[in-house]
């Protein structure tokens, strides 16, 4: 199950909470969304705009955006196309992007 995969990969990130966002499972830190399941094949990952653009350019088979996400610090991820090591890294970066300073200091 996709949620179980995400929870396993987020185990080492302090303060991660499982919740919902737009009616789908999500991972949050200090109440702030950093990753959610959009549908069975797609994740929404929070990322700074410059990082988002770089990732889409670097690996369009994994990362992309639709018109709905243009101008927002979130990118879409093809869940089946990303390996666990890369996803864990991207999740940690999204966590850092949203986590408060006191939690970021713990990593």
PDB file of N, CA and C in Angstrom:
ATOM      1  N   UNK A   1       0.845  -1.184   0.000  1.00  0.00           N
ATOM      2  CA  UNK A   1       0.000   0.000   0.000  1.00  0.00           C
ATOM      3  C   UNK A   1       0.891   1.250   0.000  1.00  0.00           C
ATOM      4  N   UNK A   2       0.483   2.238  -0.740  1.00  0.00           N
ATOM      5  CA  UNK A   2       1.289   3.442  -0.905  1.00  0.00           C
ATOM      6  C   UNK A   2       1.489   4.191   0.410  1.00  0.00           C
ATOM      7  N   UNK A   3       0.449   4.321   1.212  1.00  0.00           N
ATOM      8  CA  UNK A   3       0.590   5.032   2.482  1.00  0.00           C
ATOM      9  C   UNK A   3       1.597   4.335   3.387  1.00  0.00           C
ATOM     10  N   UNK A   4       1.558   3.023   3.453  1.00  0.00           N
ATOM     11  CA  UNK A   4       2.514   2.274   4.284  1.00  0.00           C
ATOM     12  C   UNK A   4       3.940   2.521   3.807  1.00  0.00           C
ATOM     13  N   UNK A   5       4.144   2.576   2.502  1.00  0.00           N
ATOM     14  CA  UNK A   5       5.477   2.873   1.949  1.00  0.00           C
ATOM     15  C   UNK A   5       5.940   4.249   2.414  1.00  0.00           C
ATOM     16  N   UNK A   6       5.072   5.233   2.316  1.00  0.00           N
ATOM     17  CA  UNK A   6       5.437   6.597   2.711  1.00  0.00           C
ATOM     18  C   UNK A   6       5.735   6.685   4.202  1.00  0.00           C
ATOM     19  N   UNK A   7       4.915   6.045   5.013  1.00  0.00           N
ATOM     20  CA  UNK A   7       5.143   6.062   6.459  1.00  0.00           C
ATOM     21  C   UNK A   7       6.470   5.404   6.815  1.00  0.00           C
ATOM     22  N   UNK A   8       6.784   4.306   6.146  1.00  0.00           N
ATOM     23  CA  UNK A   8       8.059   3.619   6.397  1.00  0.00           C
ATOM     24  C   UNK A   8       9.236   4.521   6.030  1.00  0.00           C
ATOM     25  N   UNK A   9       9.138   5.202   4.903  1.00  0.00           N
ATOM     26  CA  UNK A   9      10.231   6.068   4.459  1.00  0.00           C
ATOM     27  C   UNK A   9      10.365   7.321   5.320  1.00  0.00           C
ATOM     28  N   UNK A  10       9.308   7.697   6.018  1.00  0.00           N
ATOM     29  CA  UNK A  10       9.330   8.897   6.856  1.00  0.00           C
ATOM     30  C   UNK A  10       9.668   8.604   8.315  1.00  0.00           C
ATOM     31  N   UNK A  11       9.940   7.352   8.646  1.00  0.00           N
ATOM     32  CA  UNK A  11      10.160   6.952  10.044  1.00  0.00           C
ATOM     33  C   UNK A  11      11.203   7.787  10.777  1.00  0.00           C
ATOM     34  N   UNK A  12      12.259   8.199  10.098  1.00  0.00           N
ATOM     35  CA  UNK A  12      13.350   8.911  10.767  1.00  0.00           C
ATOM     36  C   UNK A  12      13.157  10.422  10.823  1.00  0.00           C
ATOM     37  N   UNK A  13      12.064  10.924  10.276  1.00  0.00           N
ATOM     38  CA  UNK A  13      11.821  12.365  10.280  1.00  0.00           C
ATOM     39  C   UNK A  13      11.045  12.742  11.541  1.00  0.00           C
ATOM     40  N   UNK A  14      11.584  13.638  12.362  1.00  0.00           N
ATOM     41  CA  UNK A  14      10.916  14.005  13.614  1.00  0.00           C
ATOM     42  C   UNK A  14       9.573  14.703  13.385  1.00  0.00           C
ATOM     43  N   UNK A  15       8.611  14.370  14.224  1.00  0.00           N
ATOM     44  CA  UNK A  15       7.347  15.096  14.247  1.00  0.00           C
ATOM     45  C   UNK A  15       6.400  14.835  13.102  1.00  0.00           C
ATOM     46  N   UNK A  16       6.596  13.757  12.361  1.00  0.00           N
ATOM     47  CA  UNK A  16       5.711  13.468  11.228  1.00  0.00           C
ATOM     48  C   UNK A  16       4.377  12.932  11.745  1.00  0.00           C
ATOM     49  N   UNK A  17       3.310  13.482  11.202  1.00  0.00           N
ATOM     50  CA  UNK A  17       1.951  13.068  11.549  1.00  0.00           C
ATOM     51  C   UNK A  17       1.265  12.584  10.277  1.00  0.00           C
ATOM     52  N   UNK A  18       0.468  11.541  10.399  1.00  0.00           N
ATOM     53  CA  UNK A  18      -0.364  11.105   9.281  1.00  0.00           C
ATOM     54  C   UNK A  18      -1.722  11.760   9.441  1.00  0.00           C
ATOM     55  N   UNK A  19      -2.217  12.341   8.375  1.00  0.00           N
ATOM     56  CA  UNK A  19      -3.519  12.993   8.397  1.00  0.00           C
ATOM     57  C   UNK A  19      -4.139  12.928   7.022  1.00  0.00           C
ATOM     58  N   UNK A  20      -4.950  13.918   6.709  1.00  0.00           N
ATOM     59  CA  UNK A  20      -5.549  13.997   5.384  1.00  0.00           C
ATOM     60  C   UNK A  20      -5.402  15.409   4.839  1.00  0.00           C
ATOM     61  N   UNK A  21      -5.458  15.497   3.530  1.00  0.00           N
ATOM     62  CA  UNK A  21      -5.450  16.773   2.825  1.00  0.00           C
ATOM     63  C   UNK A  21      -6.276  16.572   1.562  1.00  0.00           C
ATOM     64  N   UNK A  22      -7.256  17.399   1.361  1.00  0.00           N
ATOM     65  CA  UNK A  22      -8.164  17.262   0.215  1.00  0.00           C
ATOM     66  C   UNK A  22      -8.757  15.859   0.146  1.00  0.00           C
ATOM     67  N   UNK A  23      -9.018  15.294   1.320  1.00  0.00           N
ATOM     68  CA  UNK A  23      -9.670  13.992   1.398  1.00  0.00           C
ATOM     69  C   UNK A  23      -8.786  12.795   1.123  1.00  0.00           C
ATOM     70  N   UNK A  24      -7.480  13.010   1.006  1.00  0.00           N
ATOM     71  CA  UNK A  24      -6.569  11.893   0.747  1.00  0.00           C
ATOM     72  C   UNK A  24      -5.511  11.826   1.847  1.00  0.00           C
ATOM     73  N   UNK A  25      -4.894  10.655   2.054  1.00  0.00           N
ATOM     74  CA  UNK A  25      -3.861  10.524   3.081  1.00  0.00           C
ATOM     75  C   UNK A  25      -2.703  11.488   2.834  1.00  0.00           C
ATOM     76  N   UNK A  26      -2.173  12.013   3.940  1.00  0.00           N
ATOM     77  CA  UNK A  26      -1.103  13.001   3.845  1.00  0.00           C
ATOM     78  C   UNK A  26      -0.142  12.845   5.007  1.00  0.00           C
ATOM     79  N   UNK A  27       1.088  13.312   4.792  1.00  0.00           N
ATOM     80  CA  UNK A  27       2.074  13.411   5.861  1.00  0.00           C
ATOM     81  C   UNK A  27       2.299  14.887   6.132  1.00  0.00           C
ATOM     82  N   UNK A  28       2.310  15.219   7.424  1.00  0.00           N
ATOM     83  CA  UNK A  28       2.455  16.606   7.844  1.00  0.00           C
ATOM     84  C   UNK A  28       3.522  16.695   8.922  1.00  0.00           C
ATOM     85  N   UNK A  29       4.046  17.897   9.086  1.00  0.00           N
ATOM     86  CA  UNK A  29       4.967  18.189  10.177  1.00  0.00           C
ATOM     87  C   UNK A  29       4.489  19.490  10.808  1.00  0.00           C
ATOM     88  N   UNK A  30       4.289  19.468  12.117  1.00  0.00           N
ATOM     89  CA  UNK A  30       3.768  20.633  12.839  1.00  0.00           C
ATOM     90  C   UNK A  30       2.492  21.154  12.174  1.00  0.00           C
ATOM     91  N   UNK A  31       1.660  20.233  11.698  1.00  0.00           N
ATOM     92  CA  UNK A  31       0.400  20.593  11.071  1.00  0.00           C
ATOM     93  C   UNK A  31       0.498  21.068   9.636  1.00  0.00           C
ATOM     94  N   UNK A  32       1.711  21.122   9.092  1.00  0.00           N
ATOM     95  CA  UNK A  32       1.911  21.602   7.719  1.00  0.00           C
ATOM     96  C   UNK A  32       2.133  20.428   6.772  1.00  0.00           C
ATOM     97  N   UNK A  33       1.398  20.439   5.694  1.00  0.00           N
ATOM     98  CA  UNK A  33       1.503  19.401   4.684  1.00  0.00           C
ATOM     99  C   UNK A  33       2.876  19.426   4.020  1.00  0.00           C
ATOM    100  N   UNK A  34       3.501  18.249   3.899  1.00  0.00           N
ATOM    101  CA  UNK A  34       4.713  18.173   3.076  1.00  0.00           C
ATOM    102  C   UNK A  34       4.605  17.100   1.995  1.00  0.00           C
ATOM    103  N   UNK A  35       3.629  16.211   2.102  1.00  0.00           N
ATOM    104  CA  UNK A  35       3.431  15.163   1.098  1.00  0.00           C
ATOM    105  C   UNK A  35       2.018  14.623   1.234  1.00  0.00           C
ATOM    106  N   UNK A  36       1.366  14.396   0.090  1.00  0.00           N
ATOM    107  CA  UNK A  36       0.063  13.738   0.139  1.00  0.00           C
ATOM    108  C   UNK A  36      -0.095  12.807  -1.048  1.00  0.00           C
ATOM    109  N   UNK A  37      -0.988  11.854  -0.884  1.00  0.00           N
ATOM    110  CA  UNK A  37      -1.341  10.959  -1.977  1.00  0.00           C
ATOM    111  C   UNK A  37      -2.452  11.641  -2.764  1.00  0.00           C
ATOM    112  N   UNK A  38      -2.205  11.896  -4.027  1.00  0.00           N
ATOM    113  CA  UNK A  38      -3.226  12.510  -4.884  1.00  0.00           C
ATOM    114  C   UNK A  38      -4.193  11.437  -5.373  1.00  0.00           C
ATOM    115  N   UNK A  39      -3.630  10.331  -5.844  1.00  0.00           N
ATOM    116  CA  UNK A  39      -4.407   9.169  -6.275  1.00  0.00           C
ATOM    117  C   UNK A  39      -3.480   7.956  -6.197  1.00  0.00           C
ATOM    118  N   UNK A  40      -3.934   6.810  -6.639  1.00  0.00           N
ATOM    119  CA  UNK A  40      -3.157   5.569  -6.484  1.00  0.00           C
ATOM    120  C   UNK A  40      -1.804   5.595  -7.184  1.00  0.00           C
ATOM    121  N   UNK A  41      -1.630   6.488  -8.151  1.00  0.00           N
ATOM    122  CA  UNK A  41      -0.374   6.544  -8.903  1.00  0.00           C
ATOM    123  C   UNK A  41       0.439   7.810  -8.658  1.00  0.00           C
ATOM    124  N   UNK A  42      -0.125   8.789  -7.951  1.00  0.00           N
ATOM    125  CA  UNK A  42       0.481  10.117  -7.912  1.00  0.00           C
ATOM    126  C   UNK A  42       0.605  10.662  -6.501  1.00  0.00           C
ATOM    127  N   UNK A  43       1.769  11.254  -6.225  1.00  0.00           N
ATOM    128  CA  UNK A  43       2.005  11.960  -4.972  1.00  0.00           C
ATOM    129  C   UNK A  43       2.096  13.452  -5.258  1.00  0.00           C
ATOM    130  N   UNK A  44       1.744  14.253  -4.264  1.00  0.00           N
ATOM    131  CA  UNK A  44       1.970  15.699  -4.313  1.00  0.00           C
ATOM    132  C   UNK A  44       3.028  15.989  -3.257  1.00  0.00           C
ATOM    133  N   UNK A  45       4.159  16.503  -3.689  1.00  0.00           N
ATOM    134  CA  UNK A  45       5.310  16.742  -2.830  1.00  0.00           C
ATOM    135  C   UNK A  45       5.591  18.236  -2.776  1.00  0.00           C
ATOM    136  N   UNK A  46       5.688  18.798  -1.597  1.00  0.00           N
ATOM    137  CA  UNK A  46       5.991  20.216  -1.455  1.00  0.00           C
ATOM    138  C   UNK A  46       7.474  20.441  -1.737  1.00  0.00           C
ATOM    139  N   UNK A  47       7.764  21.523  -2.462  1.00  0.00           N
ATOM    140  CA  UNK A  47       9.150  21.837  -2.835  1.00  0.00           C
ATOM    141  C   UNK A  47       9.258  23.312  -3.181  1.00  0.00           C
ATOM    142  N   UNK A  48      10.393  23.939  -2.858  1.00  0.00           N
ATOM    143  CA  UNK A  48      10.609  25.321  -3.299  1.00  0.00           C
ATOM    144  C   UNK A  48      10.513  25.391  -4.825  1.00  0.00           C
ATOM    145  N   UNK A  49      10.072  26.522  -5.329  1.00  0.00           N
ATOM    146  CA  UNK A  49       9.841  26.664  -6.767  1.00  0.00           C
ATOM    147  C   UNK A  49      11.075  26.340  -7.603  1.00  0.00           C
ATOM    148  N   UNK A  50      12.256  26.808  -7.192  1.00  0.00           N
ATOM    149  CA  UNK A  50      13.456  26.541  -7.993  1.00  0.00           C
ATOM    150  C   UNK A  50      13.789  25.050  -8.015  1.00  0.00           C
ATOM    151  N   UNK A  51      13.578  24.380  -6.901  1.00  0.00           N
ATOM    152  CA  UNK A  51      13.817  22.935  -6.826  1.00  0.00           C
ATOM    153  C   UNK A  51      12.793  22.190  -7.680  1.00  0.00           C
ATOM    154  N   UNK A  52      11.559  22.615  -7.615  1.00  0.00           N
ATOM    155  CA  UNK A  52      10.489  22.010  -8.413  1.00  0.00           C
ATOM    156  C   UNK A  52      10.845  22.048  -9.897  1.00  0.00           C
ATOM    157  N   UNK A  53      11.216  23.210 -10.369  1.00  0.00           N
ATOM    158  CA  UNK A  53      11.553  23.367 -11.784  1.00  0.00           C
ATOM    159  C   UNK A  53      12.752  22.504 -12.172  1.00  0.00           C
ATOM    160  N   UNK A  54      13.751  22.456 -11.304  1.00  0.00           N
ATOM    161  CA  UNK A  54      14.947  21.657 -11.575  1.00  0.00           C
ATOM    162  C   UNK A  54      14.612  20.169 -11.661  1.00  0.00           C
ATOM    163  N   UNK A  55      13.795  19.685 -10.739  1.00  0.00           N
ATOM    164  CA  UNK A  55      13.440  18.262 -10.733  1.00  0.00           C
ATOM    165  C   UNK A  55      12.622  17.878 -11.964  1.00  0.00           C
ATOM    166  N   UNK A  56      11.679  18.724 -12.343  1.00  0.00           N
ATOM    167  CA  UNK A  56      10.866  18.436 -13.529  1.00  0.00           C
ATOM    168  C   UNK A  56      11.747  18.379 -14.770  1.00  0.00           C
ATOM    169  N   UNK A  57      12.696  19.288 -14.858  1.00  0.00           N
ATOM    170  CA  UNK A  57      13.608  19.303 -16.006  1.00  0.00           C
ATOM    171  C   UNK A  57      14.548  18.092 -15.988  1.00  0.00           C
ATOM    172  N   UNK A  58      15.026  17.739 -14.798  1.00  0.00           N
ATOM    173  CA  UNK A  58      15.995  16.665 -14.642  1.00  0.00           C
ATOM    174  C   UNK A  58      15.388  15.276 -14.879  1.00  0.00           C
ATOM    175  N   UNK A  59      14.169  15.055 -14.396  1.00  0.00           N
ATOM    176  CA  UNK A  59      13.562  13.714 -14.470  1.00  0.00           C
ATOM    177  C   UNK A  59      12.062  13.810 -14.763  1.00  0.00           C
ATOM    178  N   UNK A  60      11.699  14.196 -15.986  1.00  0.00           N
ATOM    179  CA  UNK A  60      10.278  14.356 -16.310  1.00  0.00           C
ATOM    180  C   UNK A  60       9.478  13.052 -16.286  1.00  0.00           C
ATOM    181  N   UNK A  61      10.164  11.930 -16.292  1.00  0.00           N
ATOM    182  CA  UNK A  61       9.469  10.653 -16.167  1.00  0.00           C
ATOM    183  C   UNK A  61       9.002  10.374 -14.748  1.00  0.00           C
ATOM    184  N   UNK A  62       9.558  11.105 -13.793  1.00  0.00           N
ATOM    185  CA  UNK A  62       9.186  10.957 -12.384  1.00  0.00           C
ATOM    186  C   UNK A  62       8.387  12.167 -11.911  1.00  0.00           C
ATOM    187  N   UNK A  63       8.895  13.359 -12.186  1.00  0.00           N
ATOM    188  CA  UNK A  63       8.326  14.600 -11.662  1.00  0.00           C
ATOM    189  C   UNK A  63       7.632  15.384 -12.764  1.00  0.00           C
ATOM    190  N   UNK A  64       6.502  15.985 -12.432  1.00  0.00           N
ATOM    191  CA  UNK A  64       5.778  16.796 -13.407  1.00  0.00           C
ATOM    192  C   UNK A  64       4.815  17.726 -12.684  1.00  0.00           C
ATOM    193  N   UNK A  65       4.147  18.571 -13.448  1.00  0.00           N
ATOM    194  CA  UNK A  65       3.095  19.402 -12.886  1.00  0.00           C
ATOM    195  C   UNK A  65       1.970  19.521 -13.905  1.00  0.00           C
ATOM    196  N   UNK A  66       0.806  19.835 -13.422  1.00  0.00           N
ATOM    197  CA  UNK A  66      -0.330  20.147 -14.277  1.00  0.00           C
ATOM    198  C   UNK A  66      -0.623  21.631 -14.095  1.00  0.00           C
ATOM    199  N   UNK A  67      -1.506  22.149 -14.913  1.00  0.00           N
ATOM    200  CA  UNK A  67      -1.846  23.571 -14.811  1.00  0.00           C
ATOM    201  C   UNK A  67      -2.291  23.943 -13.402  1.00  0.00           C
ATOM    202  N   UNK A  68      -2.981  23.036 -12.737  1.00  0.00           N
ATOM    203  CA  UNK A  68      -3.476  23.300 -11.380  1.00  0.00           C
ATOM    204  C   UNK A  68      -2.338  23.643 -10.406  1.00  0.00           C
ATOM    205  N   UNK A  69      -1.172  23.069 -10.603  1.00  0.00           N
ATOM    206  CA  UNK A  69      -0.048  23.264  -9.679  1.00  0.00           C
ATOM    207  C   UNK A  69       0.948  24.324 -10.135  1.00  0.00           C
ATOM    208  N   UNK A  70       0.737  24.916 -11.299  1.00  0.00           N
ATOM    209  CA  UNK A  70       1.645  25.971 -11.773  1.00  0.00           C
ATOM    210  C   UNK A  70       1.601  27.150 -10.803  1.00  0.00           C
ATOM    211  N   UNK A  71       2.786  27.633 -10.441  1.00  0.00           N
ATOM    212  CA  UNK A  71       2.873  28.756  -9.521  1.00  0.00           C
ATOM    213  C   UNK A  71       2.774  28.387  -8.053  1.00  0.00           C
ATOM    214  N   UNK A  72       2.651  27.113  -7.741  1.00  0.00           N
ATOM    215  CA  UNK A  72       2.570  26.647  -6.358  1.00  0.00           C
ATOM    216  C   UNK A  72       3.800  25.802  -6.030  1.00  0.00           C
ATOM    217  N   UNK A  73       4.264  25.859  -4.799  1.00  0.00           N
ATOM    218  CA  UNK A  73       5.452  25.084  -4.411  1.00  0.00           C
ATOM    219  C   UNK A  73       5.122  23.614  -4.148  1.00  0.00           C
ATOM    220  N   UNK A  74       4.568  22.975  -5.156  1.00  0.00           N
ATOM    221  CA  UNK A  74       4.211  21.559  -5.059  1.00  0.00           C
ATOM    222  C   UNK A  74       4.433  20.920  -6.420  1.00  0.00           C
ATOM    223  N   UNK A  75       4.985  19.712  -6.409  1.00  0.00           N
ATOM    224  CA  UNK A  75       5.151  19.013  -7.668  1.00  0.00           C
ATOM    225  C   UNK A  75       4.551  17.628  -7.576  1.00  0.00           C
ATOM    226  N   UNK A  76       4.199  17.092  -8.712  1.00  0.00           N
ATOM    227  CA  UNK A  76       3.599  15.771  -8.787  1.00  0.00           C
ATOM    228  C   UNK A  76       4.689  14.736  -9.034  1.00  0.00           C
ATOM    229  N   UNK A  77       4.507  13.580  -8.414  1.00  0.00           N
ATOM    230  CA  UNK A  77       5.493  12.501  -8.494  1.00  0.00           C
ATOM    231  C   UNK A  77       4.775  11.221  -8.917  1.00  0.00           C
ATOM    232  N   UNK A  78       5.300  10.565  -9.931  1.00  0.00           N
ATOM    233  CA  UNK A  78       4.774   9.260 -10.345  1.00  0.00           C
ATOM    234  C   UNK A  78       5.314   8.219  -9.360  1.00  0.00           C
ATOM    235  N   UNK A  79       4.445   7.741  -8.482  1.00  0.00           N
ATOM    236  CA  UNK A  79       4.867   6.881  -7.374  1.00  0.00           C
ATOM    237  C   UNK A  79       5.569   5.611  -7.842  1.00  0.00           C
ATOM    238  N   UNK A  80       5.122   5.019  -8.917  1.00  0.00           N
ATOM    239  CA  UNK A  80       5.729   3.773  -9.395  1.00  0.00           C
ATOM    240  C   UNK A  80       7.075   4.004 -10.070  1.00  0.00           C
ATOM    241  N   UNK A  81       7.357   5.242 -10.455  1.00  0.00           N
ATOM    242  CA  UNK A  81       8.590   5.534 -11.197  1.00  0.00           C
ATOM    243  C   UNK A  81       9.756   5.932 -10.301  1.00  0.00           C
ATOM    244  N   UNK A  82       9.499   6.166  -9.029  1.00  0.00           N
ATOM    245  CA  UNK A  82      10.555   6.644  -8.129  1.00  0.00           C
ATOM    246  C   UNK A  82      10.956   5.531  -7.162  1.00  0.00           C
ATOM    247  N   UNK A  83      12.260   5.305  -7.021  1.00  0.00           N
ATOM    248  CA  UNK A  83      12.709   4.263  -6.093  1.00  0.00           C
ATOM    249  C   UNK A  83      12.703   4.800  -4.663  1.00  0.00           C
ATOM    250  N   UNK A  84      12.795   3.886  -3.715  1.00  0.00           N
ATOM    251  CA  UNK A  84      12.695   4.275  -2.309  1.00  0.00           C
ATOM    252  C   UNK A  84      13.788   5.245  -1.875  1.00  0.00           C
ATOM    253  N   UNK A  85      15.004   5.065  -2.344  1.00  0.00           N
ATOM    254  CA  UNK A  85      16.101   5.951  -1.933  1.00  0.00           C
ATOM    255  C   UNK A  85      15.838   7.385  -2.391  1.00  0.00           C
ATOM    256  N   UNK A  86      15.433   7.546  -3.633  1.00  0.00           N
ATOM    257  CA  UNK A  86      15.133   8.880  -4.158  1.00  0.00           C
ATOM    258  C   UNK A  86      13.917   9.473  -3.457  1.00  0.00           C
ATOM    259  N   UNK A  87      12.889   8.666  -3.252  1.00  0.00           N
ATOM    260  CA  UNK A  87      11.689   9.165  -2.589  1.00  0.00           C
ATOM    261  C   UNK A  87      11.990   9.568  -1.154  1.00  0.00           C
ATOM    262  N   UNK A  88      12.773   8.774  -0.442  1.00  0.00           N
ATOM    263  CA  UNK A  88      13.145   9.126   0.933  1.00  0.00           C
ATOM    264  C   UNK A  88      13.885  10.467   0.954  1.00  0.00           C
ATOM    265  N   UNK A  89      14.795  10.658   0.020  1.00  0.00           N
ATOM    266  CA  UNK A  89      15.540  11.917  -0.059  1.00  0.00           C
ATOM    267  C   UNK A  89      14.597  13.091  -0.333  1.00  0.00           C
ATOM    268  N   UNK A  90      13.710  12.934  -1.294  1.00  0.00           N
ATOM    269  CA  UNK A  90      12.773  14.015  -1.638  1.00  0.00           C
ATOM    270  C   UNK A  90      11.807  14.296  -0.495  1.00  0.00           C
ATOM    271  N   UNK A  91      11.394  13.253   0.207  1.00  0.00           N
ATOM    272  CA  UNK A  91      10.519  13.443   1.365  1.00  0.00           C
ATOM    273  C   UNK A  91      11.242  14.223   2.457  1.00  0.00           C
ATOM    274  N   UNK A  92      12.511  13.914   2.684  1.00  0.00           N
ATOM    275  CA  UNK A  92      13.291  14.638   3.692  1.00  0.00           C
ATOM    276  C   UNK A  92      13.437  16.106   3.306  1.00  0.00           C
ATOM    277  N   UNK A  93      13.643  16.376   2.022  1.00  0.00           N
ATOM    278  CA  UNK A  93      13.748  17.765   1.561  1.00  0.00           C
ATOM    279  C   UNK A  93      12.417  18.492   1.735  1.00  0.00           C
ATOM    280  N   UNK A  94      11.312  17.833   1.419  1.00  0.00           N
ATOM    281  CA  UNK A  94       9.989  18.437   1.598  1.00  0.00           C
ATOM    282  C   UNK A  94       9.717  18.682   3.076  1.00  0.00           C
ATOM    283  N   UNK A  95      10.115  17.734   3.916  1.00  0.00           N
ATOM    284  CA  UNK A  95       9.965  17.888   5.363  1.00  0.00           C
ATOM    285  C   UNK A  95      10.736  19.122   5.831  1.00  0.00           C
ATOM    286  N   UNK A  96      12.003  19.268   5.398  1.00  0.00           N
ATOM    287  CA  UNK A  96      12.814  20.433   5.783  1.00  0.00           C
ATOM    288  C   UNK A  96      12.184  21.740   5.315  1.00  0.00           C
ATOM    289  N   UNK A  97      11.572  21.714   4.144  1.00  0.00           N
ATOM    290  CA  UNK A  97      10.922  22.889   3.568  1.00  0.00           C
ATOM    291  C   UNK A  97       9.764  23.358   4.450  1.00  0.00           C
ATOM    292  N   UNK A  98       9.082  22.439   5.125  1.00  0.00           N
ATOM    293  CA  UNK A  98       7.891  22.776   5.902  1.00  0.00           C
ATOM    294  C   UNK A  98       8.083  22.735   7.419  1.00  0.00           C
ATOM    295  N   UNK A  99       9.095  22.049   7.894  1.00  0.00           N
ATOM    296  CA  UNK A  99       9.275  21.874   9.339  1.00  0.00           C
ATOM    297  C   UNK A  99       9.721  23.167  10.013  1.00  0.00           C
ATOM    298  N   UNK A 100       9.269  23.389  11.244  1.00  0.00           N
ATOM    299  CA  UNK A 100       9.771  24.540  11.993  1.00  0.00           C
ATOM    300  C   UNK A 100      11.248  24.345  12.351  1.00  0.00           C
ATOM    301  N   UNK A 101      11.923  25.440  12.603  1.00  0.00           N
ATOM    302  CA  UNK A 101      13.367  25.417  12.875  1.00  0.00           C
ATOM    303  C   UNK A 101      13.727  24.473  14.016  1.00  0.00           C
ATOM    304  N   UNK A 102      12.925  24.442  15.072  1.00  0.00           N
ATOM    305  CA  UNK A 102      13.265  23.588  16.221  1.00  0.00           C
ATOM    306  C   UNK A 102      13.294  22.109  15.837  1.00  0.00           C
ATOM    307  N   UNK A 103      12.459  21.688  14.903  1.00  0.00           N
ATOM    308  CA  UNK A 103      12.508  20.299  14.439  1.00  0.00           C
ATOM    309  C   UNK A 103      13.631  20.082  13.445  1.00  0.00           C
ATOM    310  N   UNK A 104      13.881  21.058  12.582  1.00  0.00           N
ATOM    311  CA  UNK A 104      14.980  20.915  11.607  1.00  0.00           C
ATOM    312  C   UNK A 104      16.311  20.734  12.322  1.00  0.00           C
ATOM    313  N   UNK A 105      16.478  21.343  13.479  1.00  0.00           N
ATOM    314  CA  UNK A 105      17.730  21.223  14.234  1.00  0.00           C
ATOM    315  C   UNK A 105      17.969  19.799  14.730  1.00  0.00           C
ATOM    316  N   UNK A 106      16.926  18.996  14.792  1.00  0.00           N
ATOM    317  CA  UNK A 106      17.053  17.619  15.277  1.00  0.00           C
ATOM    318  C   UNK A 106      17.617  16.666  14.231  1.00  0.00           C
ATOM    319  N   UNK A 107      17.738  17.126  12.992  1.00  0.00           N
ATOM    320  CA  UNK A 107      18.236  16.237  11.936  1.00  0.00           C
ATOM    321  C   UNK A 107      19.623  16.638  11.501  1.00  0.00           C
TER     322      UNK A 107
END
